[in-house]
Amino acid sequence: MKYDCTKLKTFVKDVMKTTGLSEEDASIFADSLVFANMRGVNSHGVTRVGVYRKRLVCDQVDPHAKLKVVEDRPALMLIDGCNGMGAPLAFHAMELCVERAKTTGACFAAIRGGNHFGCAGYFTKYAAEQGMIGVSMADANAVVLPTGAKQPMLGTNPLSISVPAYGKEPFLLDMATSVVASGRIRLAAKEGRSIPEGWGMTVNGEATTDPSQVKHLMPFGGYKGYGIGMAIDLLSATLSGACDSRHMGSFWKPGDGNIQGTGFFLGVINPAVITDPVEFQKRVAAYIDEIKNAEKADGVEEIFVAGEIEQRKYEKALEEGIAISDVVINELRSIGEETGVPFPFD
């Protein structure tokens, strides 16, 4: 069954307001989750409402936190998130970077004291909509094995880059640096589905298709993904003073008292300070067209660029709604009952 996007966002926003989040931060949070669902990234969507909410009500996340600029330079800031919600924190930091880059040409923020921020592409797409190149990344709990190791040392450490294109949706890369995001494995376990072989390993280092048995993930592309995942940890955590993947609290354990202490690194480049912004975006659009018009391999109907498939799903969801499993819908219904927020689909 498919569910109306606007009603779903309003429900999630109202649920999160019961935890003490402001109207603005609850709206950003709800929009970021439903954005993920609409793009087909259900692992980072409303399936996580329960965990996010529990971390707030257990005082592991401060619903009233406001970001604090600790060090401020024209093109680089150090920000303390003060243990606030990840998505609003990252979005407000991106807003600061966009505003600053209007005059400096570029601005980046190293952020500590954060929590899981969800879909990395949500923040870079905002930058692209302002005509800027957006970059966002974060570290995550250590579940990924470095090449040659049997002990997980890295997180799935997401990376997103977005570039505006004239007359088109932006180029939008949004990826984990593991073969697959851990949230996709958790969602498969919740819904009782098997996973493809190669996604995860058991505690004994054996490949498995049972998501409940997955303890470790592999970096994408072998040592190349391992290197990129480590670079993200260095930029997100080591630079800002946040907890790295090995030392942060677990997002998935609400109630155990742990504070995540996640780090982010995000920011923007403003093409308008060095070139005509329209001409730049036209060059980007022409580049995309050239890629899409490349000679196709046998059996291939269309060549896609990063973010294109997800954008088509997003546009379809605007018209038809979002497909969500009954398991997740029942969870949301229960959360509505607990919080006194009417579930809009009953």
Protein backbone atom coordinates (compact mmCIF):
# COMPACT_ATOMS: atom_id res chain seq x y z
CA MET A 1 0.00 0.00 0.00
CA LYS A 2 1.13 3.58 -0.66
CA TYR A 3 0.90 6.47 1.75
CA ASP A 4 0.57 10.21 1.21
CA CYS A 5 3.91 11.99 1.67
CA THR A 6 2.53 15.18 3.19
CA LYS A 7 0.41 13.35 5.76
CA LEU A 8 3.36 11.16 6.67
CA LYS A 9 5.65 14.15 7.20
CA THR A 10 3.07 15.88 9.37
CA PHE A 11 2.65 12.75 11.49
CA VAL A 12 6.40 12.31 12.01
CA LYS A 13 6.80 16.02 12.80
CA ASP A 14 4.02 15.92 15.41
CA VAL A 15 5.46 12.76 16.98
CA MET A 16 8.88 14.34 17.31
CA LYS A 17 7.45 17.54 18.78
CA THR A 18 6.23 15.46 21.72
CA THR A 19 9.90 14.84 22.60
CA GLY A 20 10.60 18.55 22.96
CA LEU A 21 11.90 19.30 19.48
CA SER A 22 10.94 22.72 18.17
CA GLU A 23 8.50 23.08 15.28
CA GLU A 24 11.38 23.98 12.96
CA ASP A 25 13.69 21.12 13.95
CA ALA A 26 10.88 18.57 13.97
CA SER A 27 9.90 19.73 10.47
CA ILE A 28 13.47 19.39 9.16
CA PHE A 29 13.78 15.96 10.74
CA ALA A 30 10.46 14.72 9.31
CA ASP A 31 11.23 16.14 5.88
CA SER A 32 14.64 14.44 5.79
CA LEU A 33 13.21 11.02 6.66
CA VAL A 34 10.34 11.18 4.17
CA PHE A 35 12.79 12.54 1.57
CA ALA A 36 14.74 9.28 1.95
CA ASN A 37 11.58 7.18 1.57
CA MET A 38 10.48 9.11 -1.49
CA ARG A 39 13.83 8.45 -3.15
CA GLY A 40 13.54 4.74 -2.42
CA VAL A 41 16.10 4.78 0.40
CA ASN A 42 13.72 3.18 2.90
CA SER A 43 16.55 2.15 5.22
CA HIS A 44 17.02 5.83 6.17
CA GLY A 45 13.36 6.76 6.23
CA VAL A 46 10.47 6.46 8.67
CA THR A 47 11.52 2.97 9.77
CA ARG A 48 13.94 4.80 12.10
CA VAL A 49 11.40 7.05 13.84
CA GLY A 50 11.19 4.73 16.85
CA VAL A 51 14.94 4.68 17.50
CA TYR A 52 15.33 8.43 17.05
CA ARG A 53 12.41 9.09 19.38
CA LYS A 54 13.67 6.71 22.08
CA ARG A 55 17.08 8.36 22.08
CA LEU A 56 15.38 11.69 22.78
CA VAL A 57 13.07 10.46 25.53
CA CYS A 58 15.95 8.58 27.19
CA ASP A 59 17.93 11.84 27.36
CA GLN A 60 20.64 10.49 25.07
CA VAL A 61 19.95 13.38 22.67
CA ASP A 62 19.10 16.94 23.72
CA PRO A 63 15.95 18.13 21.89
CA HIS A 64 16.67 21.75 22.84
CA ALA A 65 20.31 21.85 21.69
CA LYS A 66 21.46 24.66 19.42
CA LEU A 67 24.69 24.51 17.45
CA LYS A 68 27.59 26.57 18.77
CA VAL A 69 30.26 28.02 16.48
CA VAL A 70 33.49 27.38 18.40
CA GLU A 71 35.98 28.67 15.84
CA ASP A 72 35.00 30.93 12.97
CA ARG A 73 37.13 31.71 9.92
CA PRO A 74 35.95 33.07 6.56
CA ALA A 75 35.90 29.68 4.83
CA LEU A 76 36.03 27.19 7.71
CA MET A 77 34.10 26.77 10.94
CA LEU A 78 34.35 24.45 13.91
CA ILE A 79 30.88 23.73 15.25
CA ASP A 80 29.74 21.98 18.42
CA GLY A 81 26.37 20.33 17.96
CA CYS A 82 25.91 20.12 21.75
CA ASN A 83 24.39 16.63 21.42
CA GLY A 84 21.49 17.82 19.29
CA MET A 85 19.52 15.93 16.66
CA GLY A 86 21.68 15.13 13.66
CA ALA A 87 19.47 16.19 10.74
CA PRO A 88 18.54 19.67 12.03
CA LEU A 89 22.13 20.24 13.15
CA ALA A 90 23.58 19.35 9.75
CA PHE A 91 20.93 21.35 7.90
CA HIS A 92 21.50 24.51 9.97
CA ALA A 93 25.26 24.13 9.51
CA MET A 94 24.76 23.84 5.74
CA GLU A 95 22.63 27.00 5.82
CA LEU A 96 25.51 28.83 7.52
CA CYS A 97 27.98 27.56 4.91
CA VAL A 98 25.74 28.59 2.00
CA GLU A 99 25.31 32.09 3.38
CA ARG A 100 29.04 32.50 4.05
CA ALA A 101 30.04 31.18 0.60
CA LYS A 102 28.06 33.92 -1.11
CA THR A 103 31.01 36.18 -0.34
CA THR A 104 33.93 33.85 0.41
CA GLY A 105 33.34 31.46 -2.51
CA ALA A 106 33.56 28.39 -0.29
CA CYS A 107 32.83 27.48 3.29
CA PHE A 108 33.10 24.21 5.20
CA ALA A 109 32.22 23.15 8.72
CA ALA A 110 33.83 20.50 10.89
CA ILE A 111 31.18 19.43 13.40
CA ARG A 112 31.42 17.53 16.68
CA GLY A 113 28.82 16.65 19.28
CA GLY A 114 26.35 15.37 16.71
CA ASN A 115 24.06 12.39 16.28
CA HIS A 116 23.08 10.27 13.28
CA PHE A 117 22.02 12.70 10.55
CA GLY A 118 20.23 10.29 8.22
CA CYS A 119 20.35 10.83 4.47
CA ALA A 120 23.55 12.71 3.50
CA GLY A 121 22.07 13.77 0.17
CA TYR A 122 19.36 15.78 1.91
CA PHE A 123 21.90 18.44 2.85
CA THR A 124 23.83 18.57 -0.42
CA LYS A 125 20.63 18.80 -2.46
CA TYR A 126 19.75 21.91 -0.47
CA ALA A 127 23.12 23.40 -1.43
CA ALA A 128 22.59 22.57 -5.10
CA GLU A 129 19.19 24.25 -4.99
CA GLN A 130 21.04 27.41 -3.93
CA GLY A 131 23.29 27.08 -7.00
CA MET A 132 26.26 25.70 -5.07
CA ILE A 133 28.24 22.48 -5.04
CA GLY A 134 27.45 20.67 -1.80
CA VAL A 135 29.53 18.15 0.14
CA SER A 136 28.51 16.21 3.23
CA MET A 137 29.94 13.26 5.11
CA ALA A 138 29.80 11.72 8.56
CA ASP A 139 31.32 8.92 10.56
CA ALA A 140 29.25 6.06 11.96
CA ASN A 141 29.56 3.13 14.36
CA ALA A 142 32.36 0.69 13.52
CA VAL A 143 30.89 -2.25 11.60
CA VAL A 144 33.16 -2.26 8.53
CA LEU A 145 36.29 -4.39 8.30
CA PRO A 146 39.43 -2.69 6.94
CA THR A 147 41.09 -4.70 4.20
CA GLY A 148 43.05 -7.50 5.87
CA ALA A 149 41.43 -7.07 9.31
CA LYS A 150 38.95 -9.22 11.20
CA GLN A 151 38.01 -6.46 13.66
CA PRO A 152 35.57 -3.76 12.50
CA MET A 153 37.25 -0.36 12.67
CA LEU A 154 35.20 1.87 10.36
CA GLY A 155 31.60 2.91 10.01
CA THR A 156 29.53 2.88 6.86
CA ASN A 157 30.69 6.52 6.72
CA PRO A 158 28.41 8.12 4.10
CA LEU A 159 29.48 10.61 1.45
CA SER A 160 27.34 12.92 -0.67
CA ILE A 161 28.29 15.41 -3.38
CA SER A 162 25.73 17.44 -5.29
CA VAL A 163 26.32 19.67 -8.33
CA PRO A 164 23.63 21.91 -9.86
CA ALA A 165 22.83 21.45 -13.55
CA TYR A 166 20.99 23.86 -15.84
CA GLY A 167 17.46 22.70 -16.60
CA LYS A 168 18.01 19.41 -14.77
CA GLU A 169 17.92 17.94 -11.33
CA PRO A 170 21.39 18.15 -9.77
CA PHE A 171 23.99 15.45 -10.00
CA LEU A 172 23.51 13.86 -6.57
CA LEU A 173 25.92 11.24 -5.33
CA ASP A 174 24.84 9.75 -1.98
CA MET A 175 26.57 6.56 -0.89
CA ALA A 176 27.86 4.51 1.98
CA THR A 177 31.51 3.51 1.86
CA SER A 178 30.54 -0.07 2.74
CA VAL A 179 29.09 -2.42 0.13
CA VAL A 180 25.67 -1.54 1.55
CA ALA A 181 24.38 0.73 4.31
CA SER A 182 23.79 -1.10 7.59
CA GLY A 183 20.26 0.31 7.72
CA ARG A 184 19.31 -1.78 4.68
CA ILE A 185 20.33 -4.92 6.53
CA ARG A 186 18.39 -3.92 9.64
CA LEU A 187 15.30 -3.15 7.58
CA ALA A 188 15.56 -6.53 5.83
CA ALA A 189 15.73 -8.23 9.24
CA LYS A 190 12.70 -6.25 10.44
CA GLU A 191 10.70 -7.22 7.37
CA GLY A 192 11.84 -10.86 7.39
CA ARG A 193 13.68 -10.70 4.06
CA SER A 194 16.96 -12.32 3.08
CA ILE A 195 19.82 -10.22 1.71
CA PRO A 196 22.17 -10.81 -1.26
CA GLU A 197 25.35 -12.68 -0.54
CA GLY A 198 28.28 -10.31 -0.21
CA TRP A 199 26.45 -7.67 1.80
CA GLY A 200 27.56 -8.87 5.22
CA MET A 201 29.59 -11.34 7.25
CA THR A 202 28.84 -13.33 10.40
CA VAL A 203 30.86 -12.92 13.58
CA ASN A 204 33.02 -15.80 12.31
CA GLY A 205 33.75 -14.01 9.03
CA GLU A 206 31.44 -16.16 6.91
CA ALA A 207 29.22 -14.75 4.17
CA THR A 208 25.50 -14.90 4.99
CA THR A 209 22.15 -14.04 3.42
CA ASP A 210 20.45 -13.92 6.85
CA PRO A 211 20.37 -10.27 7.93
CA SER A 212 19.99 -11.24 11.60
CA GLN A 213 23.38 -12.96 11.45
CA VAL A 214 25.30 -10.03 9.97
CA LYS A 215 27.92 -8.64 12.35
CA HIS A 216 30.40 -7.05 9.96
CA LEU A 217 30.28 -5.28 6.60
CA MET A 218 32.87 -5.05 3.86
CA PRO A 219 34.08 -1.78 2.31
CA PHE A 220 32.95 -1.19 -1.27
CA GLY A 221 35.67 -1.75 -3.83
CA GLY A 222 38.00 -3.46 -1.37
CA TYR A 223 40.92 -1.34 -0.24
CA LYS A 224 39.63 1.69 -2.18
CA GLY A 225 36.43 1.89 -0.16
CA TYR A 226 38.45 1.23 2.99
CA GLY A 227 40.64 4.23 2.18
CA ILE A 228 37.70 6.54 1.48
CA GLY A 229 35.91 5.40 4.65
CA MET A 230 39.01 6.18 6.68
CA ALA A 231 39.39 9.59 5.02
CA ILE A 232 35.81 10.43 6.00
CA ASP A 233 36.52 9.43 9.61
CA LEU A 234 39.57 11.71 9.63
CA LEU A 235 37.67 14.69 8.20
CA SER A 236 34.50 14.16 10.25
CA ALA A 237 35.91 13.12 13.61
CA THR A 238 39.64 13.74 13.91
CA LEU A 239 39.44 17.29 12.54
CA SER A 240 36.45 18.33 14.66
CA GLY A 241 37.34 16.43 17.83
CA ALA A 242 34.24 14.23 17.55
CA CYS A 243 34.22 10.52 18.40
CA ASP A 244 35.59 8.36 15.61
CA SER A 245 33.82 5.22 14.42
CA ARG A 246 35.48 3.03 17.05
CA HIS A 247 34.68 5.21 20.05
CA MET A 248 31.22 6.67 19.48
CA GLY A 249 28.08 5.44 21.22
CA SER A 250 25.79 3.12 19.29
CA PHE A 251 22.83 4.70 17.53
CA TRP A 252 20.97 1.41 17.80
CA LYS A 253 21.01 1.15 21.61
CA PRO A 254 18.53 3.68 23.01
CA GLY A 255 18.31 3.50 26.78
CA ASP A 256 21.86 2.36 27.51
CA GLY A 257 22.97 5.89 28.38
CA ASN A 258 25.47 6.24 25.55
CA ILE A 259 26.02 9.55 23.79
CA GLN A 260 26.93 9.15 20.13
CA GLY A 261 29.25 12.11 19.69
CA THR A 262 29.15 11.78 15.90
CA GLY A 263 31.23 14.02 13.63
CA PHE A 264 30.27 15.63 10.33
CA PHE A 265 32.19 17.48 7.65
CA LEU A 266 30.10 19.47 5.22
CA GLY A 267 30.09 22.62 3.18
CA VAL A 268 29.78 24.26 -0.19
CA ILE A 269 31.66 25.71 -3.15
CA ASN A 270 30.06 28.70 -4.84
CA PRO A 271 30.85 28.64 -8.60
CA ALA A 272 29.50 32.19 -8.99
CA VAL A 273 32.64 33.77 -7.49
CA ILE A 274 34.94 32.43 -10.22
CA THR A 275 32.70 31.86 -13.26
CA ASP A 276 29.31 32.72 -14.68
CA PRO A 277 26.96 30.47 -12.67
CA VAL A 278 24.56 29.86 -15.56
CA GLU A 279 27.37 28.92 -17.91
CA PHE A 280 28.78 26.60 -15.25
CA GLN A 281 25.45 24.84 -14.83
CA LYS A 282 25.09 24.56 -18.61
CA ARG A 283 28.51 22.86 -18.76
CA VAL A 284 27.38 20.45 -16.05
CA ALA A 285 24.17 19.70 -17.97
CA ALA A 286 26.13 19.12 -21.19
CA TYR A 287 28.49 16.80 -19.35
CA ILE A 288 25.57 14.78 -17.98
CA ASP A 289 24.03 14.54 -21.44
CA GLU A 290 27.31 13.32 -22.90
CA ILE A 291 27.53 10.57 -20.30
CA LYS A 292 23.93 9.51 -20.87
CA ASN A 293 24.42 9.44 -24.62
CA ALA A 294 27.46 7.18 -24.47
CA GLU A 295 27.30 3.98 -26.52
CA LYS A 296 25.32 1.47 -24.48
CA ALA A 297 26.41 -2.04 -23.62
CA ASP A 298 24.32 -4.90 -24.96
CA GLY A 299 20.97 -5.17 -23.22
CA VAL A 300 21.18 -1.72 -21.59
CA GLU A 301 18.26 0.59 -22.28
CA GLU A 302 19.49 3.71 -20.49
CA ILE A 303 22.63 5.00 -18.79
CA PHE A 304 21.94 6.70 -15.48
CA VAL A 305 23.97 9.25 -13.52
CA ALA A 306 24.12 9.48 -9.74
CA GLY A 307 20.80 10.41 -8.17
CA GLU A 308 18.74 10.05 -11.34
CA ILE A 309 16.95 6.83 -10.46
CA GLU A 310 16.21 8.13 -6.95
CA GLN A 311 14.86 11.40 -8.36
CA ARG A 312 12.43 9.52 -10.61
CA LYS A 313 11.20 7.60 -7.58
CA TYR A 314 10.83 10.89 -5.72
CA GLU A 315 8.71 12.41 -8.49
CA LYS A 316 6.57 9.29 -8.67
CA ALA A 317 6.08 9.37 -4.89
CA LEU A 318 4.83 12.96 -5.11
CA GLU A 319 1.97 11.73 -7.28
CA GLU A 320 1.34 8.23 -5.95
CA GLY A 321 2.64 8.23 -2.38
CA ILE A 322 5.26 6.03 -0.73
CA ALA A 323 5.20 2.23 -0.48
CA ILE A 324 5.92 1.24 3.12
CA SER A 325 5.85 -2.26 4.56
CA ASP A 326 3.11 -3.30 6.98
CA VAL A 327 5.73 -3.95 9.66
CA VAL A 328 6.90 -0.33 9.56
CA ILE A 329 3.36 1.03 9.36
CA ASN A 330 2.37 -0.97 12.45
CA GLU A 331 5.38 0.45 14.29
CA LEU A 332 4.34 3.99 13.36
CA ARG A 333 0.77 3.31 14.43
CA SER A 334 2.02 2.12 17.84
CA ILE A 335 4.22 5.21 18.20
CA GLY A 336 1.17 7.35 17.46
CA GLU A 337 -0.76 5.60 20.22
CA GLU A 338 2.12 6.07 22.69
CA THR A 339 2.48 9.75 21.94
CA GLY A 340 -1.18 10.61 21.48
CA VAL A 341 -0.61 11.66 17.87
CA PRO A 342 -3.42 10.41 15.61
CA PHE A 343 -2.19 8.07 12.91
CA PRO A 344 -3.41 9.64 9.64
CA PHE A 345 -4.02 6.42 7.73
CA ASP A 346 -6.52 4.70 10.02
